[in-house]
Amino acid sequence: MKFENTGLENLRIDFDRLNYICRSHKLVLAGQWDYERVTFDRRFDLKEGTYYLRVFGYAVEGDVGSSDATIQLMTPVLGKYYYPHGVEYGEDENFPASLVETCEKILSDLKNEVEQFTF
């Protein structure tokens, strides 16, 4: 499920500041990065299954590995985890309404913080 028109799309922010803000919303970077791309995840374990809210970005300047990058944010998604295949984001997935509302709130709060530091 894509969260269109969150206001996060196309915002640019310093990687270190973005990482700090995301951690404050329990969105972790873990190993989901390379020198050009980043993915911040928040895991939700519900009785219906395991879900991931993902916020994607890519470096428009600099290098993520050296923590010297400007990150352009992209459209966030919500996916359901299936063992052993991974996370599915398809339109056929059913997401609990309360989870969708929680994710929308997190993304709104994230946007409000990130906007203060965008270029």
Protein backbone atom coordinates (compact mmCIF):
# COMPACT_ATOMS: atom_id res chain seq x y z
CA MET A 1 0.00 0.00 0.00
CA LYS A 2 1.43 3.34 -1.04
CA PHE A 3 0.83 6.45 1.06
CA GLU A 4 0.39 8.98 -1.71
CA ASN A 5 0.47 12.74 -1.10
CA THR A 6 1.95 12.57 2.39
CA GLY A 7 4.02 15.66 1.72
CA LEU A 8 7.21 13.66 2.27
CA GLU A 9 7.71 12.99 -1.43
CA ASN A 10 10.46 15.12 -2.87
CA LEU A 11 11.60 16.63 0.45
CA ARG A 12 15.38 16.86 0.73
CA ILE A 13 17.18 16.62 4.05
CA ASP A 14 20.63 15.92 5.47
CA PHE A 15 21.10 12.18 6.09
CA ASP A 16 22.26 12.48 9.72
CA ARG A 17 19.32 14.68 10.67
CA LEU A 18 16.89 12.37 8.84
CA ASN A 19 18.32 9.35 10.63
CA TYR A 20 17.88 11.08 14.00
CA ILE A 21 14.28 12.11 13.24
CA CYS A 22 13.34 8.67 11.96
CA ARG A 23 14.76 6.97 15.04
CA SER A 24 12.59 9.21 17.21
CA HIS A 25 9.58 7.70 15.38
CA LYS A 26 10.93 4.14 15.75
CA LEU A 27 11.84 3.97 12.07
CA VAL A 28 15.18 2.16 11.91
CA LEU A 29 17.77 2.11 9.17
CA ALA A 30 19.44 -1.17 10.23
CA GLY A 31 21.08 -2.72 7.15
CA GLN A 32 18.70 -1.28 4.56
CA TRP A 33 21.07 1.12 2.88
CA ASP A 34 23.80 1.34 0.31
CA TYR A 35 25.81 4.33 -0.82
CA GLU A 36 22.91 5.80 -2.79
CA ARG A 37 19.70 4.53 -1.13
CA VAL A 38 18.14 4.27 2.32
CA THR A 39 15.09 2.50 3.73
CA PHE A 40 13.75 3.25 7.20
CA ASP A 41 11.46 0.55 8.63
CA ARG A 42 9.01 0.35 11.48
CA ARG A 43 7.76 -3.13 12.32
CA PHE A 44 4.26 -3.83 13.62
CA ASP A 45 3.44 -7.25 15.09
CA LEU A 46 -0.33 -7.68 15.16
CA LYS A 47 -2.58 -10.71 15.50
CA GLU A 48 -3.21 -10.45 11.73
CA GLY A 49 0.51 -10.73 11.00
CA THR A 50 3.71 -8.73 10.75
CA TYR A 51 3.69 -5.44 8.85
CA TYR A 52 6.36 -2.94 7.86
CA LEU A 53 6.00 0.78 7.31
CA ARG A 54 8.83 1.78 4.97
CA VAL A 55 10.16 5.23 4.16
CA PHE A 56 12.49 5.28 1.16
CA GLY A 57 15.04 7.83 0.05
CA TYR A 58 18.04 8.23 -2.22
CA ALA A 59 21.14 10.40 -2.16
CA VAL A 60 21.00 13.37 -4.51
CA GLU A 61 24.34 14.61 -3.18
CA GLY A 62 27.11 12.91 -1.25
CA ASP A 63 27.47 9.41 0.08
CA VAL A 64 25.25 7.64 2.62
CA GLY A 65 28.14 5.48 3.88
CA SER A 66 30.16 8.51 4.96
CA SER A 67 27.07 10.14 6.52
CA ASP A 68 27.62 13.02 4.13
CA ALA A 69 24.53 12.92 1.94
CA THR A 70 21.46 14.88 1.06
CA ILE A 71 18.52 12.49 0.90
CA GLN A 72 15.50 12.91 -1.34
CA LEU A 73 12.49 11.19 0.20
CA MET A 74 10.10 9.05 -1.81
CA THR A 75 6.58 7.65 -1.42
CA PRO A 76 6.26 5.60 1.81
CA VAL A 77 4.67 2.14 1.71
CA LEU A 78 3.07 -0.36 4.05
CA GLY A 79 3.62 -4.06 3.44
CA LYS A 80 2.78 -7.40 5.02
CA TYR A 81 5.53 -9.89 5.78
CA TYR A 82 5.22 -13.49 4.59
CA TYR A 83 7.75 -16.07 5.67
CA PRO A 84 9.97 -17.03 3.84
CA HIS A 85 9.17 -14.81 0.84
CA GLY A 86 9.40 -11.33 2.32
CA VAL A 87 7.25 -8.21 2.32
CA GLU A 88 4.32 -7.80 -0.10
CA TYR A 89 2.90 -4.37 -0.92
CA GLY A 90 0.22 -5.39 -3.44
CA GLU A 91 -3.26 -3.99 -3.81
CA ASP A 92 -4.67 -7.42 -2.90
CA GLU A 93 -3.34 -7.09 0.65
CA ASN A 94 -5.74 -6.22 3.46
CA PHE A 95 -4.37 -3.85 6.07
CA PRO A 96 -6.12 -3.28 9.41
CA ALA A 97 -7.73 0.18 9.49
CA SER A 98 -6.15 0.96 12.86
CA LEU A 99 -2.70 0.17 11.45
CA VAL A 100 -3.27 2.42 8.43
CA GLU A 101 -4.38 5.26 10.74
CA THR A 102 -1.31 4.76 12.95
CA CYS A 103 0.98 4.85 9.91
CA GLU A 104 -0.69 7.99 8.57
CA LYS A 105 -0.14 9.70 11.95
CA ILE A 106 3.51 8.64 12.03
CA LEU A 107 4.07 9.92 8.49
CA SER A 108 2.32 13.21 9.26
CA ASP A 109 4.47 13.74 12.37
CA LEU A 110 7.58 12.76 10.42
CA LYS A 111 6.76 15.25 7.66
CA ASN A 112 6.22 18.06 10.16
CA GLU A 113 9.65 17.47 11.68
CA VAL A 114 11.50 16.91 8.41
CA GLU A 115 10.06 20.07 6.86
CA GLN A 116 11.85 22.18 9.45
CA PHE A 117 15.22 21.05 8.07
CA THR A 118 14.65 20.66 4.32
CA PHE A 119 16.59 22.48 1.63
